[in-house]
Amino acid sequence: MVHLTEYVTKKPDDSMAQYFLAIAQYKLHNYEEAYKAAYHSLALQPSYIPALYVMAAICTSLHKTSDAIEYCNKIIEADPGNIKAQRLLQKLLD
């Protein structure tokens, strides 16, 4: 994790590094830091579906339900057959 954080510090415009940092922070339950990294990743590459899904999951953990729904809808709009996004969206709407 230290190496990833150092890399992102040196290359903040690497969307994939930001994405992987978001995943790492999410798995450590550092949801605010995960949100920042995912947000930055999406600012650089807004249509990257895996980053959109991670952001939806992070928003769910932060109880930002309307934001999570919005991210799920973006995924489903781009990829209507995305089962993971459909399942998360259904869970959020229940």
C-alpha atoms as a PDB file:
ATOM      1  CA  MET A   1       0.000   0.000   0.000  1.00  0.00           C
ATOM      2  CA  VAL A   2       2.881   2.350   0.807  1.00  0.00           C
ATOM      3  CA  HIS A   3       4.332   1.929  -2.679  1.00  0.00           C
ATOM      4  CA  LEU A   4       0.976   2.592  -4.303  1.00  0.00           C
ATOM      5  CA  THR A   5       0.441   5.724  -2.237  1.00  0.00           C
ATOM      6  CA  GLU A   6       3.927   6.953  -3.123  1.00  0.00           C
ATOM      7  CA  TYR A   7       3.319   6.261  -6.801  1.00  0.00           C
ATOM      8  CA  VAL A   8       0.002   8.139  -6.774  1.00  0.00           C
ATOM      9  CA  THR A   9       1.699  11.059  -5.041  1.00  0.00           C
ATOM     10  CA  LYS A  10       4.299  11.199  -7.818  1.00  0.00           C
ATOM     11  CA  LYS A  11       1.812  10.573 -10.641  1.00  0.00           C
ATOM     12  CA  PRO A  12      -1.577  11.899  -9.540  1.00  0.00           C
ATOM     13  CA  ASP A  13      -2.918  11.852 -13.089  1.00  0.00           C
ATOM     14  CA  ASP A  14      -2.592   8.086 -13.455  1.00  0.00           C
ATOM     15  CA  SER A  15      -6.244   7.054 -13.446  1.00  0.00           C
ATOM     16  CA  MET A  16      -5.481   3.358 -12.985  1.00  0.00           C
ATOM     17  CA  ALA A  17      -3.258   4.025  -9.978  1.00  0.00           C
ATOM     18  CA  GLN A  18      -6.037   6.128  -8.468  1.00  0.00           C
ATOM     19  CA  TYR A  19      -8.472   3.292  -9.171  1.00  0.00           C
ATOM     20  CA  PHE A  20      -6.256   0.709  -7.457  1.00  0.00           C
ATOM     21  CA  LEU A  21      -5.705   3.063  -4.527  1.00  0.00           C
ATOM     22  CA  ALA A  22      -9.484   3.423  -4.199  1.00  0.00           C
ATOM     23  CA  ILE A  23      -9.865  -0.359  -4.079  1.00  0.00           C
ATOM     24  CA  ALA A  24      -7.102  -0.713  -1.488  1.00  0.00           C
ATOM     25  CA  GLN A  25      -8.565   2.014   0.723  1.00  0.00           C
ATOM     26  CA  TYR A  26     -12.052   0.519   0.348  1.00  0.00           C
ATOM     27  CA  LYS A  27     -10.827  -2.902   1.456  1.00  0.00           C
ATOM     28  CA  LEU A  28      -9.210  -1.256   4.490  1.00  0.00           C
ATOM     29  CA  HIS A  29     -12.563   0.443   5.276  1.00  0.00           C
ATOM     30  CA  ASN A  30     -10.974   3.871   4.709  1.00  0.00           C
ATOM     31  CA  TYR A  31     -14.041   4.988   2.821  1.00  0.00           C
ATOM     32  CA  GLU A  32     -13.329   8.727   2.710  1.00  0.00           C
ATOM     33  CA  GLU A  33      -9.853   8.111   1.260  1.00  0.00           C
ATOM     34  CA  ALA A  34     -11.298   5.531  -1.111  1.00  0.00           C
ATOM     35  CA  TYR A  35     -13.887   8.066  -2.245  1.00  0.00           C
ATOM     36  CA  LYS A  36     -11.205  10.678  -2.969  1.00  0.00           C
ATOM     37  CA  ALA A  37      -9.138   8.245  -5.032  1.00  0.00           C
ATOM     38  CA  ALA A  38     -12.155   6.910  -6.953  1.00  0.00           C
ATOM     39  CA  TYR A  39     -13.376  10.444  -7.596  1.00  0.00           C
ATOM     40  CA  HIS A  40      -9.966  11.396  -8.981  1.00  0.00           C
ATOM     41  CA  SER A  41      -9.842   8.253 -11.129  1.00  0.00           C
ATOM     42  CA  LEU A  42     -13.258   9.032 -12.585  1.00  0.00           C
ATOM     43  CA  ALA A  43     -12.311  12.658 -13.201  1.00  0.00           C
ATOM     44  CA  LEU A  44      -9.502  11.334 -15.385  1.00  0.00           C
ATOM     45  CA  GLN A  45     -11.455   8.487 -16.999  1.00  0.00           C
ATOM     46  CA  PRO A  46     -15.193   9.057 -16.433  1.00  0.00           C
ATOM     47  CA  SER A  47     -16.486   6.066 -18.374  1.00  0.00           C
ATOM     48  CA  TYR A  48     -14.286   3.387 -16.789  1.00  0.00           C
ATOM     49  CA  ILE A  49     -16.906   0.916 -15.593  1.00  0.00           C
ATOM     50  CA  PRO A  50     -14.823  -0.811 -12.873  1.00  0.00           C
ATOM     51  CA  ALA A  51     -14.114   2.593 -11.288  1.00  0.00           C
ATOM     52  CA  LEU A  52     -17.793   3.492 -11.505  1.00  0.00           C
ATOM     53  CA  TYR A  53     -18.664   0.259  -9.712  1.00  0.00           C
ATOM     54  CA  VAL A  54     -16.059   0.825  -6.997  1.00  0.00           C
ATOM     55  CA  MET A  55     -17.429   4.331  -6.520  1.00  0.00           C
ATOM     56  CA  ALA A  56     -20.961   2.938  -6.206  1.00  0.00           C
ATOM     57  CA  ALA A  57     -19.760   0.496  -3.554  1.00  0.00           C
ATOM     58  CA  ILE A  58     -17.883   3.239  -1.699  1.00  0.00           C
ATOM     59  CA  CYS A  59     -20.934   5.506  -1.776  1.00  0.00           C
ATOM     60  CA  THR A  60     -23.006   2.633  -0.410  1.00  0.00           C
ATOM     61  CA  SER A  61     -20.585   2.244   2.506  1.00  0.00           C
ATOM     62  CA  LEU A  62     -20.702   6.002   3.128  1.00  0.00           C
ATOM     63  CA  HIS A  63     -24.535   5.891   3.127  1.00  0.00           C
ATOM     64  CA  LYS A  64     -24.635   8.114   0.038  1.00  0.00           C
ATOM     65  CA  THR A  65     -27.432   6.059  -1.436  1.00  0.00           C
ATOM     66  CA  SER A  66     -28.553   8.516  -4.105  1.00  0.00           C
ATOM     67  CA  ASP A  67     -24.964   8.847  -5.357  1.00  0.00           C
ATOM     68  CA  ALA A  68     -24.541   5.058  -5.390  1.00  0.00           C
ATOM     69  CA  ILE A  69     -27.753   4.735  -7.419  1.00  0.00           C
ATOM     70  CA  GLU A  70     -26.488   7.357  -9.853  1.00  0.00           C
ATOM     71  CA  TYR A  71     -23.216   5.470 -10.377  1.00  0.00           C
ATOM     72  CA  CYS A  72     -25.073   2.186 -10.885  1.00  0.00           C
ATOM     73  CA  ASN A  73     -27.306   3.843 -13.453  1.00  0.00           C
ATOM     74  CA  LYS A  74     -24.248   5.166 -15.318  1.00  0.00           C
ATOM     75  CA  ILE A  75     -22.846   1.653 -15.463  1.00  0.00           C
ATOM     76  CA  ILE A  76     -26.119   0.131 -16.662  1.00  0.00           C
ATOM     77  CA  GLU A  77     -26.511   2.869 -19.280  1.00  0.00           C
ATOM     78  CA  ALA A  78     -23.046   2.052 -20.675  1.00  0.00           C
ATOM     79  CA  ASP A  79     -23.309  -1.711 -20.144  1.00  0.00           C
ATOM     80  CA  PRO A  80     -26.942  -2.874 -19.819  1.00  0.00           C
ATOM     81  CA  GLY A  81     -25.884  -6.454 -19.118  1.00  0.00           C
ATOM     82  CA  ASN A  82     -23.721  -5.597 -16.108  1.00  0.00           C
ATOM     83  CA  ILE A  83     -25.094  -7.989 -13.497  1.00  0.00           C
ATOM     84  CA  LYS A  84     -23.012  -6.624 -10.613  1.00  0.00           C
ATOM     85  CA  ALA A  85     -24.365  -3.112 -11.123  1.00  0.00           C
ATOM     86  CA  GLN A  86     -27.915  -4.427 -11.532  1.00  0.00           C
ATOM     87  CA  ARG A  87     -27.657  -6.394  -8.280  1.00  0.00           C
ATOM     88  CA  LEU A  88     -26.196  -3.472  -6.357  1.00  0.00           C
ATOM     89  CA  LEU A  89     -28.861  -1.154  -7.735  1.00  0.00           C
ATOM     90  CA  GLN A  90     -31.618  -3.588  -6.718  1.00  0.00           C
ATOM     91  CA  LYS A  91     -30.127  -3.820  -3.229  1.00  0.00           C
ATOM     92  CA  LEU A  92     -30.056  -0.026  -2.968  1.00  0.00           C
ATOM     93  CA  LEU A  93     -33.663   0.290  -4.116  1.00  0.00           C
ATOM     94  CA  ASP A  94     -35.032  -2.377  -1.738  1.00  0.00           C
END
